[in-house]
N, C-alpha and C. Protein backbone atom coordinates (compact mmCIF):
# COMPACT_ATOMS: atom_id res chain seq x y z
N MET A 1 122.42 91.37 106.54
CA MET A 1 121.42 92.08 105.70
C MET A 1 121.91 91.45 103.95
N GLY A 2 120.77 90.99 103.78
CA GLY A 2 120.96 90.21 102.51
C GLY A 2 121.10 91.11 101.17
N ALA A 3 121.71 90.59 100.25
CA ALA A 3 121.93 91.40 99.04
C ALA A 3 120.57 91.99 98.30
N GLY A 4 120.45 93.08 97.99
CA GLY A 4 119.34 93.49 97.24
C GLY A 4 118.19 93.85 98.26
N ARG A 5 118.08 93.75 99.47
CA ARG A 5 117.24 94.10 100.39
C ARG A 5 117.08 95.51 100.63
N GLN A 6 115.79 96.05 100.46
CA GLN A 6 115.71 97.47 100.75
C GLN A 6 116.00 97.76 102.10
N VAL A 7 116.41 98.74 102.54
CA VAL A 7 116.70 99.23 104.03
C VAL A 7 116.03 100.72 104.05
N ASP A 8 115.23 100.81 105.06
CA ASP A 8 114.31 101.81 105.36
C ASP A 8 115.22 102.74 106.19
N CYS A 9 115.76 103.84 105.73
CA CYS A 9 116.56 105.00 106.67
C CYS A 9 115.88 105.99 106.95
N GLY A 10 114.49 106.06 107.23
CA GLY A 10 113.73 107.42 107.23
C GLY A 10 113.47 107.70 105.90
N ALA A 11 113.90 109.17 105.51
CA ALA A 11 113.45 109.73 104.30
C ALA A 11 114.38 109.03 102.96
N LEU A 12 115.64 108.43 103.61
CA LEU A 12 116.66 107.86 102.56
C LEU A 12 116.43 106.49 102.72
N LEU A 13 116.08 105.67 101.28
CA LEU A 13 115.98 104.42 101.00
C LEU A 13 117.12 103.87 100.32
N LEU A 14 117.76 102.98 100.98
CA LEU A 14 119.02 102.46 100.36
C LEU A 14 119.00 101.00 99.85
N PHE A 15 119.49 100.56 98.90
CA PHE A 15 119.27 99.10 98.43
C PHE A 15 120.91 98.44 98.59
N PRO A 16 121.33 98.20 99.58
CA PRO A 16 122.67 97.60 99.51
C PRO A 16 122.74 96.13 98.96
N ARG A 17 123.65 96.18 98.32
CA ARG A 17 123.91 94.88 97.37
C ARG A 17 125.44 94.72 97.23
N LEU A 18 125.88 93.61 96.87
CA LEU A 18 127.19 93.38 96.51
C LEU A 18 127.48 93.44 95.04
N ASP A 19 128.57 94.12 94.42
CA ASP A 19 128.48 94.22 93.12
C ASP A 19 129.51 93.09 92.61
N ALA A 20 129.88 93.11 91.33
CA ALA A 20 130.60 92.00 90.79
C ALA A 20 132.17 91.84 91.60
N ALA A 21 132.61 92.88 92.13
CA ALA A 21 133.91 92.98 92.84
C ALA A 21 133.75 92.22 94.52
N GLY A 22 132.42 92.24 94.73
CA GLY A 22 132.11 91.91 96.07
C GLY A 22 132.14 93.03 97.13
N GLU A 23 131.88 94.24 96.58
CA GLU A 23 131.83 95.50 97.37
C GLU A 23 130.32 95.76 97.38
N TRP A 24 130.04 96.33 98.66
CA TRP A 24 128.49 96.90 98.87
C TRP A 24 128.27 98.26 98.04
N THR A 25 127.49 98.33 97.41
CA THR A 25 127.24 99.60 96.47
C THR A 25 126.49 100.65 97.19
N ALA A 26 125.83 100.44 98.45
CA ALA A 26 125.37 101.29 99.10
C ALA A 26 126.09 102.04 100.07
N ARG A 27 126.16 103.26 100.52
CA ARG A 27 127.06 103.80 101.48
C ARG A 27 126.15 104.56 102.40
N PHE A 28 126.44 104.39 103.97
CA PHE A 28 125.53 105.18 104.71
C PHE A 28 126.12 106.52 105.29
N ALA A 29 127.39 106.94 104.76
CA ALA A 29 127.87 108.14 105.14
C ALA A 29 127.17 109.50 105.05
N ASP A 30 126.29 109.45 104.47
CA ASP A 30 125.21 110.80 104.40
C ASP A 30 124.11 110.65 105.53
N VAL A 31 124.09 109.47 105.99
CA VAL A 31 123.02 109.23 107.18
C VAL A 31 123.61 109.37 108.67
N ILE A 32 124.79 108.80 108.62
CA ILE A 32 125.46 108.72 109.85
C ILE A 32 126.03 110.20 110.26
N LYS A 33 125.56 110.63 111.37
CA LYS A 33 125.98 112.08 111.96
C LYS A 33 127.02 112.05 113.05
N GLY A 34 127.19 110.74 113.61
CA GLY A 34 128.14 110.72 114.71
C GLY A 34 127.71 109.57 115.57
N PHE A 35 128.64 109.22 116.68
CA PHE A 35 128.35 107.97 117.30
C PHE A 35 127.19 108.37 118.43
N SER A 36 126.29 107.51 118.81
CA SER A 36 125.27 107.62 119.75
C SER A 36 125.54 106.97 120.97
N HIS A 37 125.53 105.58 120.96
CA HIS A 37 125.60 104.99 122.40
C HIS A 37 126.13 103.50 122.27
N VAL A 38 126.47 102.86 123.16
CA VAL A 38 126.68 101.51 123.02
C VAL A 38 125.95 101.01 124.23
N GLN A 39 125.35 99.73 124.25
CA GLN A 39 124.68 99.10 125.32
C GLN A 39 125.67 97.59 125.70
N LEU A 40 126.12 97.82 126.86
CA LEU A 40 126.76 96.69 127.47
C LEU A 40 125.95 95.90 128.62
N VAL A 41 126.15 94.59 128.59
CA VAL A 41 125.61 93.66 129.49
C VAL A 41 126.83 93.49 130.59
N VAL A 42 126.43 93.93 131.80
CA VAL A 42 127.43 93.85 133.02
C VAL A 42 126.87 93.27 134.02
N GLY A 43 127.66 92.66 134.95
CA GLY A 43 127.41 91.81 136.03
C GLY A 43 126.94 92.56 136.94
N ASP A 44 127.13 93.74 137.45
CA ASP A 44 126.50 94.72 138.40
C ASP A 44 126.64 96.13 137.98
N ILE A 45 125.41 96.69 137.98
CA ILE A 45 125.08 98.06 137.51
C ILE A 45 125.98 99.13 138.33
N GLU A 46 125.89 98.83 139.74
CA GLU A 46 126.38 99.80 140.45
C GLU A 46 127.80 100.07 140.24
N THR A 47 128.48 98.60 140.22
CA THR A 47 129.95 98.72 140.38
C THR A 47 130.29 99.29 138.72
N SER A 48 129.81 98.85 137.71
CA SER A 48 130.09 99.36 136.37
C SER A 48 129.71 100.91 136.32
N ALA A 49 128.71 101.22 136.93
CA ALA A 49 128.45 102.58 136.60
C ALA A 49 129.41 103.71 137.25
N ARG A 50 129.73 102.96 138.60
CA ARG A 50 130.87 103.69 139.44
C ARG A 50 132.13 103.76 138.58
N TRP A 51 132.54 102.56 138.25
CA TRP A 51 133.85 102.54 137.50
C TRP A 51 133.90 103.32 136.25
N TYR A 52 133.01 103.29 135.46
CA TYR A 52 132.92 104.36 134.25
C TYR A 52 132.86 105.73 134.45
N GLY A 53 132.31 106.05 135.82
CA GLY A 53 132.18 107.32 136.34
C GLY A 53 133.57 108.03 136.86
N VAL A 54 134.33 107.18 137.49
CA VAL A 54 135.65 107.42 137.94
C VAL A 54 136.72 107.47 136.84
N VAL A 55 136.58 106.18 135.98
CA VAL A 55 137.84 106.21 135.19
C VAL A 55 137.55 107.02 133.77
N LEU A 56 136.30 107.37 133.27
CA LEU A 56 136.13 107.83 132.17
C LEU A 56 135.42 109.20 132.39
N GLY A 57 135.01 109.46 133.52
CA GLY A 57 134.18 110.78 133.93
C GLY A 57 132.78 110.73 133.53
N MET A 58 132.26 109.51 133.12
CA MET A 58 130.90 109.57 132.51
C MET A 58 129.83 109.90 133.89
N GLU A 59 128.81 110.48 133.50
CA GLU A 59 127.87 110.77 134.36
C GLU A 59 126.41 110.05 134.26
N LEU A 60 125.98 109.81 135.49
CA LEU A 60 124.51 109.09 135.40
C LEU A 60 123.55 109.99 134.84
N LEU A 61 122.89 109.44 133.55
CA LEU A 61 121.78 110.12 132.99
C LEU A 61 120.46 109.64 133.55
N GLU A 62 120.44 108.16 133.59
CA GLU A 62 119.08 107.48 133.84
C GLU A 62 119.59 106.35 134.56
N ARG A 63 118.63 105.94 135.47
CA ARG A 63 118.69 104.61 136.19
C ARG A 63 117.47 103.96 136.06
N GLY A 64 117.08 102.49 136.09
CA GLY A 64 115.92 102.10 136.21
C GLY A 64 115.67 100.70 135.93
N SER A 65 114.45 99.96 135.66
CA SER A 65 114.23 98.70 135.38
C SER A 65 113.28 98.64 134.09
N PHE A 66 113.64 97.45 133.32
CA PHE A 66 112.65 97.26 132.30
C PHE A 66 112.46 95.62 132.37
N ALA A 67 111.59 95.02 131.40
CA ALA A 67 111.31 93.48 131.38
C ALA A 67 112.58 92.92 131.38
N GLY A 68 113.65 93.35 130.68
CA GLY A 68 115.02 92.56 130.75
C GLY A 68 115.76 92.61 131.83
N GLY A 69 115.42 93.37 132.90
CA GLY A 69 116.62 93.73 133.97
C GLY A 69 116.72 95.13 134.18
N ASP A 70 117.74 95.48 135.35
CA ASP A 70 117.90 96.85 135.73
C ASP A 70 118.89 97.26 134.53
N TYR A 71 118.79 98.63 134.45
CA TYR A 71 119.55 99.37 133.35
C TYR A 71 120.02 100.57 133.94
N ALA A 72 121.31 101.26 133.26
CA ALA A 72 121.62 102.66 133.70
C ALA A 72 122.00 103.08 132.19
N ALA A 73 121.91 104.41 132.21
CA ALA A 73 122.66 105.16 131.01
C ALA A 73 123.50 106.24 131.63
N LEU A 74 124.72 106.02 131.24
CA LEU A 74 125.75 107.08 131.55
C LEU A 74 126.15 108.04 130.31
N ARG A 75 126.41 109.35 130.60
CA ARG A 75 126.62 110.35 129.46
C ARG A 75 127.81 110.78 129.54
N SER A 76 128.45 111.05 128.49
CA SER A 76 129.83 111.81 128.45
C SER A 76 129.55 113.17 129.13
N PRO A 77 130.65 113.77 129.64
CA PRO A 77 130.44 115.16 129.98
C PRO A 77 129.94 116.18 128.86
N THR A 78 130.76 115.82 127.76
CA THR A 78 130.35 116.70 126.59
C THR A 78 128.76 116.32 125.99
N GLY A 79 128.11 115.41 126.57
CA GLY A 79 126.89 114.93 126.01
C GLY A 79 126.96 114.36 124.67
N ARG A 80 127.95 114.10 123.99
CA ARG A 80 127.99 113.36 122.78
C ARG A 80 127.72 111.84 122.60
N PHE A 81 127.91 111.27 123.44
CA PHE A 81 127.64 109.82 123.49
C PHE A 81 127.21 109.32 124.84
N VAL A 82 126.55 108.29 124.79
CA VAL A 82 126.06 107.46 126.01
C VAL A 82 126.48 106.02 125.95
N ILE A 83 126.83 105.49 127.37
CA ILE A 83 126.96 104.03 127.50
C ILE A 83 125.65 103.70 128.42
N GLY A 84 125.03 102.68 127.72
CA GLY A 84 124.04 102.02 128.26
C GLY A 84 124.48 100.79 128.89
N MET A 85 123.88 100.46 130.10
CA MET A 85 124.44 99.20 130.57
C MET A 85 123.21 98.41 131.30
N GLN A 86 123.07 97.03 131.00
CA GLN A 86 121.96 96.46 131.66
C GLN A 86 122.54 95.06 132.13
N THR A 87 121.68 94.51 133.23
CA THR A 87 122.19 93.16 133.83
C THR A 87 121.89 92.02 133.33
N ALA A 88 120.88 91.93 132.41
CA ALA A 88 120.20 90.88 131.81
C ALA A 88 120.04 91.17 130.23
N SER A 89 120.03 89.97 129.71
CA SER A 89 120.10 90.02 128.11
C SER A 89 119.46 88.76 127.49
N THR A 90 118.73 88.72 126.48
CA THR A 90 118.42 87.59 126.04
C THR A 90 119.51 86.72 125.49
N THR A 91 119.62 85.50 125.50
CA THR A 91 120.74 84.77 124.87
C THR A 91 120.67 84.82 123.44
N ASP A 92 121.67 85.20 122.79
CA ASP A 92 121.97 85.22 121.31
C ASP A 92 122.67 83.92 120.88
N ALA A 93 121.91 83.00 120.37
CA ALA A 93 122.43 81.64 120.01
C ALA A 93 122.79 81.71 118.63
N SER A 94 122.92 82.93 118.00
CA SER A 94 123.22 82.96 116.60
C SER A 94 124.87 83.02 116.39
N GLY A 95 125.52 83.23 117.34
CA GLY A 95 126.93 83.37 117.19
C GLY A 95 127.44 84.59 116.78
N ALA A 96 126.38 85.80 117.04
CA ALA A 96 126.80 87.03 116.53
C ALA A 96 128.02 87.72 117.41
N PRO A 97 128.79 88.34 116.73
CA PRO A 97 129.97 88.98 117.42
C PRO A 97 129.61 89.82 118.47
N MET A 98 130.34 89.80 119.67
CA MET A 98 130.14 90.66 120.75
C MET A 98 131.29 91.78 120.68
N ILE A 99 131.23 92.65 121.69
CA ILE A 99 132.16 93.88 121.65
C ILE A 99 133.41 93.51 121.87
N GLU A 100 134.50 93.64 121.23
CA GLU A 100 135.85 93.44 121.47
C GLU A 100 136.50 94.40 122.39
N HIS A 101 136.13 95.55 122.09
CA HIS A 101 136.75 96.61 122.87
C HIS A 101 135.98 97.92 122.57
N LEU A 102 135.85 98.71 123.63
CA LEU A 102 135.35 100.18 123.50
C LEU A 102 136.84 101.09 123.15
N SER A 103 136.68 102.01 122.38
CA SER A 103 137.71 103.10 122.30
C SER A 103 137.24 104.45 122.38
N PHE A 104 137.96 105.14 123.15
CA PHE A 104 137.54 106.75 123.31
C PHE A 104 138.73 107.61 123.03
N ALA A 105 138.38 108.77 122.20
CA ALA A 105 139.33 109.46 121.74
C ALA A 105 139.69 110.50 123.00
N VAL A 106 141.22 110.75 122.97
CA VAL A 106 141.79 111.95 123.94
C VAL A 106 142.46 112.80 122.86
N GLU A 107 142.77 114.00 123.52
CA GLU A 107 143.33 114.95 122.77
C GLU A 107 144.57 114.76 122.01
N ASP A 108 145.68 114.12 122.70
CA ASP A 108 146.79 114.12 122.17
C ASP A 108 147.53 112.89 122.73
N ARG A 109 148.88 112.91 122.45
CA ARG A 109 149.67 111.66 123.09
C ARG A 109 149.88 112.02 124.45
N ASP A 110 150.25 113.41 125.00
CA ASP A 110 150.53 113.85 126.08
C ASP A 110 149.32 113.47 126.96
N ASP A 111 148.19 113.83 126.54
CA ASP A 111 147.03 113.59 127.15
C ASP A 111 146.66 112.19 127.56
N LEU A 112 146.98 111.30 126.50
CA LEU A 112 147.07 109.83 126.73
C LEU A 112 147.79 109.34 127.67
N GLU A 113 149.06 109.86 127.83
CA GLU A 113 150.01 109.49 128.84
C GLU A 113 149.72 109.97 130.23
N ARG A 114 149.00 111.10 130.40
CA ARG A 114 148.40 111.59 131.57
C ARG A 114 147.34 110.80 132.11
N HIS A 115 146.43 110.44 131.14
CA HIS A 115 145.15 109.44 131.58
C HIS A 115 145.78 108.12 132.07
N ARG A 116 146.83 107.53 131.46
CA ARG A 116 147.54 106.07 131.66
C ARG A 116 147.85 106.37 133.22
N ALA A 117 148.82 107.38 133.33
CA ALA A 117 149.14 107.70 134.81
C ALA A 117 148.05 107.53 135.92
N ALA A 118 146.80 108.63 135.57
CA ALA A 118 145.96 108.57 136.57
C ALA A 118 145.14 107.29 136.70
N ILE A 119 145.01 106.40 135.60
CA ILE A 119 144.33 105.19 135.65
C ILE A 119 145.17 104.28 136.58
N VAL A 120 146.50 104.05 136.37
CA VAL A 120 147.33 103.15 137.03
C VAL A 120 147.31 103.66 138.57
N ALA A 121 147.32 105.07 138.84
CA ALA A 121 147.14 105.50 140.11
C ALA A 121 146.19 105.09 140.92
N THR A 122 144.98 104.72 140.21
CA THR A 122 143.80 104.28 140.88
C THR A 122 143.62 102.81 141.25
N GLY A 123 144.97 102.15 140.83
CA GLY A 123 144.90 100.79 140.97
C GLY A 123 144.50 99.73 139.72
N ILE A 124 144.18 100.53 138.69
CA ILE A 124 143.62 99.79 137.56
C ILE A 124 144.99 99.44 136.84
N GLU A 125 145.26 98.00 136.42
CA GLU A 125 146.15 97.66 135.40
C GLU A 125 145.95 97.95 134.16
N ALA A 126 146.98 98.91 133.62
CA ALA A 126 147.14 99.44 132.18
C ALA A 126 148.09 98.91 131.57
N GLY A 127 147.79 98.69 130.09
CA GLY A 127 148.89 98.04 129.34
C GLY A 127 149.77 99.49 128.87
N ASP A 128 150.96 99.00 128.30
CA ASP A 128 151.88 99.94 128.02
C ASP A 128 151.22 100.98 126.51
N LEU A 129 152.00 101.76 126.50
CA LEU A 129 151.64 102.69 125.21
C LEU A 129 151.88 101.78 124.00
N ILE A 130 150.77 101.64 123.06
CA ILE A 130 150.72 100.89 122.01
C ILE A 130 150.83 102.01 120.60
N GLU A 131 151.62 101.78 119.73
CA GLU A 131 151.87 102.50 118.59
C GLU A 131 151.15 101.80 117.56
N GLU A 132 150.07 102.45 116.76
CA GLU A 132 149.61 101.79 115.73
C GLU A 132 149.94 102.75 114.49
N VAL A 133 149.41 102.31 113.39
CA VAL A 133 149.70 103.18 111.98
C VAL A 133 149.17 104.78 112.27
N ALA A 134 147.71 105.04 112.57
CA ALA A 134 147.34 106.19 112.80
C ALA A 134 147.20 106.56 114.19
N SER A 135 147.50 105.95 115.15
CA SER A 135 147.02 106.49 116.69
C SER A 135 148.03 105.76 117.57
N TRP A 136 148.07 106.47 118.91
CA TRP A 136 148.55 105.77 120.01
C TRP A 136 147.36 105.43 120.95
N ASN A 137 147.69 104.18 121.50
CA ASN A 137 146.66 103.75 122.30
C ASN A 137 147.12 103.12 123.55
N ILE A 138 146.22 102.99 124.74
CA ILE A 138 146.45 102.48 125.90
C ILE A 138 145.20 101.60 126.21
N ARG A 139 145.38 100.50 126.59
CA ARG A 139 144.07 99.54 127.13
C ARG A 139 144.13 99.14 128.59
N PHE A 140 142.92 98.80 128.89
CA PHE A 140 142.78 98.53 130.15
C PHE A 140 141.33 97.78 130.25
N ARG A 141 141.10 97.17 131.45
CA ARG A 141 139.78 96.23 131.50
C ARG A 141 138.78 96.99 132.44
N ASP A 142 137.33 96.90 132.10
CA ASP A 142 136.47 97.62 133.01
C ASP A 142 136.20 96.18 133.95
N PRO A 143 135.22 96.57 134.99
CA PRO A 143 135.02 95.42 136.12
C PRO A 143 134.47 94.15 135.54
N ASP A 144 133.83 94.17 134.11
CA ASP A 144 133.40 92.75 133.47
C ASP A 144 134.57 92.18 132.60
N GLY A 145 135.70 92.90 132.50
CA GLY A 145 136.71 92.48 131.71
C GLY A 145 136.75 92.82 130.26
N LEU A 146 135.80 93.76 129.91
CA LEU A 146 135.85 94.18 128.78
C LEU A 146 137.11 95.24 128.37
N VAL A 147 137.51 95.24 127.40
CA VAL A 147 138.74 96.08 127.01
C VAL A 147 138.21 97.43 126.70
N VAL A 148 138.74 98.42 127.51
CA VAL A 148 138.54 99.80 127.29
C VAL A 148 139.86 100.43 126.57
N GLU A 149 139.83 101.18 125.66
CA GLU A 149 141.01 101.84 125.03
C GLU A 149 140.93 103.25 124.88
N LEU A 150 141.89 104.03 125.03
CA LEU A 150 141.95 105.37 124.98
C LEU A 150 142.85 105.80 123.88
N THR A 151 142.45 106.50 122.87
CA THR A 151 143.12 106.58 121.52
C THR A 151 143.63 108.12 121.41
N ALA A 152 144.90 108.30 120.99
CA ALA A 152 145.34 109.76 120.45
C ALA A 152 145.64 109.58 119.02
N ALA A 153 144.84 110.11 118.11
CA ALA A 153 145.31 110.19 116.64
C ALA A 153 146.86 110.77 116.47
N LYS A 154 147.60 110.01 115.69
CA LYS A 154 148.67 110.58 115.24
C LYS A 154 148.87 112.06 114.67
N SER A 155 147.66 112.46 114.02
CA SER A 155 147.78 113.97 113.45
C SER A 155 147.67 114.81 114.59
N ALA A 156 147.09 114.32 115.89
CA ALA A 156 147.12 115.38 116.88
C ALA A 156 147.90 114.88 117.97
N ALA A 157 148.65 113.68 117.81
CA ALA A 157 149.66 113.00 118.78
C ALA A 157 151.08 113.63 118.59
N LYS A 158 151.74 113.71 119.81
CA LYS A 158 153.12 114.30 119.76
C LYS A 158 154.07 113.45 119.86
């Protein structure tokens, strides 16, 4: 988004631009209400949908096809976010960044350790517990190699 370009956010119009210190002047905090979804390009819809269902408890919301290929939408049991997946995508030659990892919050460090044990018990290779400044994390990979992370915030961690 270029400096000074107007962005239409429904009823709220923002004019993001860099100030003299190189900081963006417009903030979207009042607009963002939470995480909605992520759309992944996967090698096989059935394999990935099953994996996300077993490992993360996601539920199939919708399955179908569109001009770009097959797709599925999986909803969290709480209904608070969706993971969309499709088998085809247009090639992005711009060099735009891809998703490095997905991270999902769990209740606390004990819950994180229980999830790790359950994931390993299914035969999925999971890394050791990682301590970061604000959280404890474990990481593992989905069927397409994407890093999936479970995170327990230290404020809730034991």
